[in-house]
Amino acid sequence: MMDAETIGEGGAHLVISTKDGYVLRINKKKNNRRQVLQACAYERQVAVRCLGREFVLVSQAVRLPREYGSKWAQRQKDARSLNSALEIKPKASDRVRSWLIAPEHAQIKSNFSRLQIVRAAKGCLGQYALHEKLWSKSKEEALSALICMSEECGHLWKWYSKDSNTQPSAEAIAVVALALEREPLLSRLQAIQRRYDFLDVDGVTELLKMWPRLRKGPPCCGPKQSRRLEHIANVCRAEPAHFEAASAEERDQRRNTALRNLRLLTKQEAAEALRRWLIALVCNPFFSNYFLFVHR
C-alpha cells in the first residue's frame, strides 16, 4: 500500500502527494505507459524549450502500485515541500489570429475569446472572464482579478501549505500580482501562440482537405523551405484587432489569398505547419494546465 494522500481532483486528473516529497499526477483516461511517456516527453522537448526551465517542473513516468490497477502516472517534485505555494491555472484570452477562419465562424470568433466561447457553450462562463485580466500588463487589474478569484473560483485557485489547504493571504495575492507583471511566463505563452497558431482549427481543416493534392518536397524542411513557410504563415496570420475591424469583404479576400498560399506548400512544409499548430495548441493554457507557484 502506497503511503500517500489526495490533494486535488479535477475532471481529467487525480493528484496525490507521497510522503517522500513527490506529487503523482494521474490522468483518469490516458494512463498507460506510452501515453504518460508522451506527456513527459512534451515537457522536456516543448515546454522547457519554449517556456524556460525555470517555469517547468519536469516529471518522470512511474508505474503505480497494484491498488491503482495497471496505471502509470507523472511524478514530479512536490513544490509544497519547499514552503507554501499558490497555484493558479491561467486561462488564455486572445481572440482569433488567422485569416483562414470560415465565414460562418468569423463573427463569433472576432468578438469573443476562445475561452469565452467554450465556457458559454457549457453554460458556466461566470468568473472565468476574470482570467482575461491576468494577461494584462497591469498589476492593478491582475490584483483585482486575483482577489475575486480567491473568493469565487476555488477550483481555479488554491493556496497550498505543508499542513493544509487554506485561503491565500492578502500579502500572497499581492506577491502573485507582482509576479505576473514581472515574470515572462504568460508573455512567452502568448508569443508561442501568436507565432505558431496561424492556421486555427478552420485552417487545419482546409489544409487536410488539400493534403492529397500537395506535392512532395525535400525530406526535411531546409532554410529555403522554412523561409517560404514563414512567408505563408505571415499571409495567414491576423492580429485580433485587425480581424475584428475588417469588413466581410476584406476577410473574404484575405482568406482566399491565404488559401491560395496554402496550396503552394509541399507535404513536408504542411506537416511542419501542422506541428507548429499542435505546439500552439498544447501551449494554450485553456487546453493545458500551467501552475504558478510563489514561494515565501
Protein backbone atom coordinates (compact mmCIF):
# COMPACT_ATOMS: atom_id res chain seq x y z
CA MET A 1 0.00 0.00 0.00
CA MET A 2 1.41 3.38 -1.03
CA ASP A 3 1.68 5.98 1.74
CA ALA A 4 0.01 8.94 0.04
CA GLU A 5 -2.84 11.44 0.29
CA THR A 6 -5.10 13.01 -2.33
CA ILE A 7 -4.50 16.75 -2.64
CA GLY A 8 -6.72 17.52 -5.61
CA GLU A 9 -9.02 16.05 -8.24
CA GLY A 10 -10.38 17.61 -11.39
CA GLY A 11 -12.29 16.44 -14.41
CA ALA A 12 -9.19 14.93 -16.03
CA HIS A 13 -6.61 14.32 -13.30
CA LEU A 14 -6.18 12.98 -9.80
CA VAL A 15 -3.25 14.47 -7.88
CA ILE A 16 -1.79 12.69 -4.87
CA SER A 17 1.13 13.53 -2.61
CA THR A 18 3.57 10.91 -1.38
CA LYS A 19 5.46 11.01 1.91
CA ASP A 20 8.84 11.12 0.15
CA GLY A 21 8.21 14.63 -1.22
CA TYR A 22 6.72 13.91 -4.64
CA VAL A 23 3.42 14.54 -6.40
CA LEU A 24 1.80 11.95 -8.68
CA ARG A 25 -0.46 13.30 -11.43
CA ILE A 26 -2.78 10.57 -12.71
CA ASN A 27 -4.73 11.11 -15.91
CA LYS A 28 -8.05 9.32 -15.45
CA LYS A 29 -8.24 8.26 -19.11
CA LYS A 30 -4.73 8.44 -20.59
CA ASN A 31 -2.74 6.46 -18.05
CA ASN A 32 -0.94 3.69 -19.93
CA ARG A 33 2.84 3.72 -20.22
CA ARG A 34 3.02 5.09 -23.77
CA GLN A 35 0.65 7.97 -23.06
CA VAL A 36 2.43 9.00 -19.87
CA LEU A 37 5.84 8.83 -21.59
CA GLN A 38 4.48 11.10 -24.33
CA ALA A 39 3.34 13.63 -21.72
CA CYS A 40 6.79 13.60 -20.09
CA ALA A 41 8.47 13.97 -23.49
CA TYR A 42 6.31 17.01 -24.23
CA GLU A 43 7.55 18.67 -21.04
CA ARG A 44 11.19 18.14 -21.99
CA GLN A 45 11.01 18.77 -25.74
CA VAL A 46 8.41 21.55 -25.94
CA ALA A 47 7.59 23.15 -22.59
CA VAL A 48 11.18 23.53 -21.37
CA ARG A 49 12.43 24.86 -24.71
CA CYS A 50 9.53 27.27 -25.25
CA LEU A 51 8.84 28.49 -21.71
CA GLY A 52 12.19 28.08 -19.96
CA ARG A 53 13.48 25.51 -17.49
CA GLU A 54 12.69 27.81 -14.58
CA PHE A 55 8.96 27.53 -15.28
CA VAL A 56 8.66 23.78 -15.75
CA LEU A 57 8.66 21.04 -13.14
CA VAL A 58 9.81 18.15 -15.33
CA SER A 59 8.18 14.86 -14.42
CA GLN A 60 9.05 11.17 -14.77
CA ALA A 61 6.83 8.28 -15.78
CA VAL A 62 6.25 5.83 -12.90
CA ARG A 63 4.12 2.73 -12.52
CA LEU A 64 1.56 2.83 -9.75
CA PRO A 65 1.10 0.13 -7.10
CA ARG A 66 -1.40 -2.67 -7.67
CA GLU A 67 -4.22 -0.99 -5.74
CA TYR A 68 -4.38 1.62 -8.55
CA GLY A 69 -4.61 -1.02 -11.26
CA SER A 70 -2.23 -1.25 -14.20
CA LYS A 71 -1.84 2.53 -14.43
CA TRP A 72 1.05 4.91 -14.92
CA ALA A 73 1.46 8.47 -13.62
CA GLN A 74 3.67 11.52 -13.92
CA ARG A 75 5.85 12.05 -10.86
CA GLN A 76 7.42 15.41 -10.02
CA LYS A 77 8.87 17.17 -7.03
CA ASP A 78 6.21 18.46 -4.65
CA ALA A 79 6.59 22.25 -4.74
CA ARG A 80 4.83 22.47 -1.39
CA SER A 81 7.77 20.72 0.24
CA LEU A 82 9.83 23.87 -0.30
CA ASN A 83 7.30 26.03 1.55
CA SER A 84 3.82 27.35 0.98
CA ALA A 85 2.77 27.80 -2.63
CA LEU A 86 0.00 29.48 -4.57
CA GLU A 87 -1.44 27.66 -7.59
CA ILE A 88 -3.27 29.38 -10.44
CA LYS A 89 -4.50 28.00 -13.73
CA PRO A 90 -4.15 30.98 -16.08
CA LYS A 91 -6.57 30.99 -18.98
CA ALA A 92 -5.80 32.36 -22.45
CA SER A 93 -7.95 35.25 -23.57
CA ASP A 94 -6.72 36.10 -27.08
CA ARG A 95 -9.16 36.04 -29.95
CA VAL A 96 -8.74 34.57 -33.42
CA ARG A 97 -5.33 35.03 -35.08
CA SER A 98 -5.94 33.68 -38.60
CA TRP A 99 -7.49 34.89 -41.84
CA LEU A 100 -8.40 31.26 -42.57
CA ILE A 101 -11.47 31.41 -40.30
CA ALA A 102 -14.58 30.17 -42.13
CA PRO A 103 -17.04 32.99 -42.91
CA GLU A 104 -19.77 31.39 -40.78
CA HIS A 105 -17.43 31.47 -37.75
CA ALA A 106 -15.94 34.92 -38.31
CA GLN A 107 -18.49 36.95 -36.36
CA ILE A 108 -18.38 34.99 -33.12
CA LYS A 109 -14.62 34.36 -33.22
CA SER A 110 -13.87 38.05 -33.83
CA ASN A 111 -15.97 39.20 -30.87
CA PHE A 112 -15.23 36.58 -28.23
CA SER A 113 -12.12 34.83 -26.98
CA ARG A 114 -11.82 31.06 -27.24
CA LEU A 115 -12.28 30.71 -23.51
CA GLN A 116 -15.49 32.76 -23.57
CA ILE A 117 -16.91 30.72 -26.45
CA VAL A 118 -16.23 27.34 -24.84
CA ARG A 119 -17.38 28.34 -21.36
CA ALA A 120 -20.54 29.99 -22.71
CA ALA A 121 -21.32 26.83 -24.70
CA LYS A 122 -21.12 24.89 -21.44
CA GLY A 123 -23.33 27.46 -19.70
CA CYS A 124 -20.80 28.29 -16.99
CA LEU A 125 -18.90 31.42 -18.01
CA GLY A 126 -19.24 33.15 -14.62
CA GLN A 127 -16.00 34.46 -13.18
CA TYR A 128 -13.91 32.84 -15.91
CA ALA A 129 -13.90 36.24 -17.61
CA LEU A 130 -11.66 37.42 -14.78
CA HIS A 131 -8.82 35.33 -16.21
CA GLU A 132 -8.54 37.72 -19.15
CA LYS A 133 -7.25 40.36 -16.74
CA LEU A 134 -4.38 38.10 -15.74
CA TRP A 135 -2.93 38.56 -19.22
CA SER A 136 -2.90 42.35 -18.97
CA LYS A 137 0.30 44.20 -18.12
CA SER A 138 -1.47 45.99 -15.30
CA LYS A 139 -0.62 44.81 -11.80
CA GLU A 140 -3.78 46.56 -10.53
CA GLU A 141 -6.06 44.63 -12.92
CA ALA A 142 -4.36 41.35 -12.09
CA LEU A 143 -4.66 42.07 -8.35
CA SER A 144 -8.37 42.85 -8.70
CA ALA A 145 -8.97 39.63 -10.65
CA LEU A 146 -6.96 37.51 -8.19
CA ILE A 147 -8.93 38.83 -5.22
CA CYS A 148 -12.23 37.92 -6.92
CA MET A 149 -10.89 34.52 -7.97
CA SER A 150 -9.78 33.71 -4.45
CA GLU A 151 -13.33 34.31 -3.24
CA GLU A 152 -15.37 32.74 -6.03
CA CYS A 153 -13.24 30.37 -8.17
CA GLY A 154 -11.71 27.87 -5.78
CA HIS A 155 -11.29 25.19 -8.46
CA LEU A 156 -9.04 27.56 -10.44
CA TRP A 157 -7.10 28.87 -7.48
CA LYS A 158 -5.66 27.04 -4.48
CA TRP A 159 -3.30 28.00 -1.72
CA TYR A 160 -1.20 25.06 -0.61
CA SER A 161 0.87 24.79 2.54
CA LYS A 162 2.74 21.93 4.17
CA ASP A 163 -0.04 21.31 6.66
CA SER A 164 -3.32 22.02 4.87
CA ASN A 165 -5.09 23.85 2.08
CA THR A 166 -6.06 27.35 3.18
CA GLN A 167 -7.16 30.61 1.62
CA PRO A 168 -4.32 32.87 0.42
CA SER A 169 -3.47 35.93 2.45
CA ALA A 170 -3.67 39.46 1.06
CA GLU A 171 0.13 39.51 1.08
CA ALA A 172 0.32 36.34 -1.01
CA ILE A 173 -2.18 37.72 -3.54
CA ALA A 174 -0.14 40.91 -3.89
CA VAL A 175 3.03 38.84 -4.49
CA VAL A 176 1.29 36.87 -7.26
CA ALA A 177 0.05 40.04 -8.96
CA LEU A 178 3.60 41.41 -8.90
CA ALA A 179 4.98 38.13 -10.26
CA LEU A 180 2.51 38.13 -13.14
CA GLU A 181 3.63 41.66 -14.01
CA ARG A 182 7.38 40.95 -13.82
CA GLU A 183 7.83 37.31 -14.86
CA PRO A 184 7.75 36.40 -18.58
CA LEU A 185 5.74 33.15 -18.33
CA LEU A 186 2.40 34.45 -19.64
CA SER A 187 4.06 36.63 -22.29
CA ARG A 188 6.04 33.60 -23.53
CA LEU A 189 2.87 31.55 -23.76
CA GLN A 190 1.19 34.28 -25.79
CA ALA A 191 4.22 34.71 -28.05
CA ILE A 192 4.22 30.98 -28.89
CA GLN A 193 0.54 31.05 -29.76
CA ARG A 194 0.80 34.21 -31.85
CA ARG A 195 3.76 32.86 -33.82
CA TYR A 196 2.61 29.28 -34.33
CA ASP A 197 -1.18 29.44 -34.40
CA PHE A 198 -1.66 30.99 -37.85
CA LEU A 199 -3.96 28.20 -39.04
CA ASP A 200 -6.69 27.95 -36.40
CA VAL A 201 -8.81 24.80 -36.50
CA ASP A 202 -10.61 26.12 -39.60
CA GLY A 203 -7.30 26.42 -41.44
CA VAL A 204 -6.27 22.94 -40.31
CA THR A 205 -9.48 21.58 -41.81
CA GLU A 206 -8.73 23.25 -45.15
CA LEU A 207 -5.11 22.08 -45.14
CA LEU A 208 -6.14 18.47 -44.54
CA LYS A 209 -8.58 18.70 -47.46
CA MET A 210 -5.70 19.86 -49.67
CA TRP A 211 -3.29 17.19 -48.44
CA PRO A 212 -3.82 14.57 -51.24
CA ARG A 213 -3.10 17.24 -53.89
CA LEU A 214 0.01 18.74 -52.28
CA ARG A 215 3.28 17.90 -53.99
CA LYS A 216 6.12 16.10 -52.28
CA GLY A 217 9.16 18.11 -51.26
CA PRO A 218 12.61 17.52 -49.75
CA PRO A 219 12.73 15.01 -46.90
CA CYS A 220 13.41 17.81 -44.41
CA CYS A 221 12.48 21.46 -44.16
CA GLY A 222 15.67 23.37 -45.09
CA PRO A 223 16.33 27.14 -44.95
CA LYS A 224 14.59 27.83 -48.27
CA GLN A 225 11.51 25.84 -47.31
CA SER A 226 11.49 27.43 -43.85
CA ARG A 227 11.54 30.93 -45.34
CA ARG A 228 8.66 30.07 -47.64
CA LEU A 229 6.66 28.56 -44.78
CA GLU A 230 7.26 31.67 -42.67
CA HIS A 231 6.10 33.87 -45.58
CA ILE A 232 2.90 31.84 -45.94
CA ALA A 233 2.40 31.97 -42.17
CA ASN A 234 2.59 35.78 -42.33
CA VAL A 235 -0.04 35.80 -45.08
CA CYS A 236 -2.36 33.64 -42.95
CA ARG A 237 -1.68 35.35 -39.62
CA ALA A 238 -4.13 38.01 -38.42
CA GLU A 239 -3.99 40.35 -35.48
CA PRO A 240 -7.18 40.04 -33.39
CA ALA A 241 -7.92 43.79 -33.55
CA HIS A 242 -7.46 43.88 -37.34
CA PHE A 243 -9.64 40.81 -37.87
CA GLU A 244 -12.40 42.29 -35.69
CA ALA A 245 -12.34 45.64 -37.52
CA ALA A 246 -12.15 44.14 -41.04
CA SER A 247 -15.19 44.14 -43.26
CA ALA A 248 -16.70 40.90 -44.52
CA GLU A 249 -15.29 41.69 -47.97
CA GLU A 250 -11.74 42.17 -46.67
CA ARG A 251 -11.96 38.95 -44.64
CA ASP A 252 -13.05 37.01 -47.73
CA GLN A 253 -10.23 38.49 -49.82
CA ARG A 254 -7.58 37.73 -47.23
CA ARG A 255 -8.98 34.22 -46.65
CA ASN A 256 -8.85 33.44 -50.37
CA THR A 257 -5.28 34.75 -50.55
CA ALA A 258 -4.31 32.60 -47.57
CA LEU A 259 -5.92 29.51 -49.14
CA ARG A 260 -4.03 30.06 -52.40
CA ASN A 261 -0.78 30.25 -50.47
CA LEU A 262 -1.54 27.07 -48.53
CA ARG A 263 -1.83 25.20 -51.81
CA LEU A 264 1.81 26.12 -52.56
CA LEU A 265 3.06 24.13 -49.59
CA THR A 266 4.73 20.79 -50.04
CA LYS A 267 3.59 17.89 -47.89
CA GLN A 268 6.69 18.31 -45.72
CA GLU A 269 6.01 22.03 -45.21
CA ALA A 270 2.33 21.33 -44.49
CA ALA A 271 3.38 18.77 -41.88
CA GLU A 272 5.62 21.39 -40.24
CA ALA A 273 2.73 23.89 -40.24
CA LEU A 274 0.52 21.30 -38.52
CA ARG A 275 3.29 20.55 -36.00
CA ARG A 276 3.51 24.24 -35.11
CA TRP A 277 -0.26 24.43 -34.71
CA LEU A 278 -0.14 21.49 -32.29
CA ILE A 279 2.60 23.20 -30.27
CA ALA A 280 0.48 26.34 -30.07
CA LEU A 281 -2.48 24.20 -29.03
CA VAL A 282 -0.72 22.47 -26.16
CA CYS A 283 0.83 25.78 -25.05
CA ASN A 284 -2.64 27.28 -24.85
CA PRO A 285 -3.43 27.29 -21.12
CA PHE A 286 -7.07 26.51 -21.86
CA PHE A 287 -6.09 23.05 -23.08
CA SER A 288 -3.03 22.51 -20.88
CA ASN A 289 -2.82 23.41 -17.20
CA TYR A 290 0.00 25.67 -16.11
CA PHE A 291 0.50 26.39 -12.44
CA LEU A 292 2.24 29.36 -10.90
CA PHE A 293 3.92 28.57 -7.58
CA VAL A 294 5.02 31.51 -5.46
CA HIS A 295 7.21 30.53 -2.55
CA ARG A 296 7.68 32.56 0.58
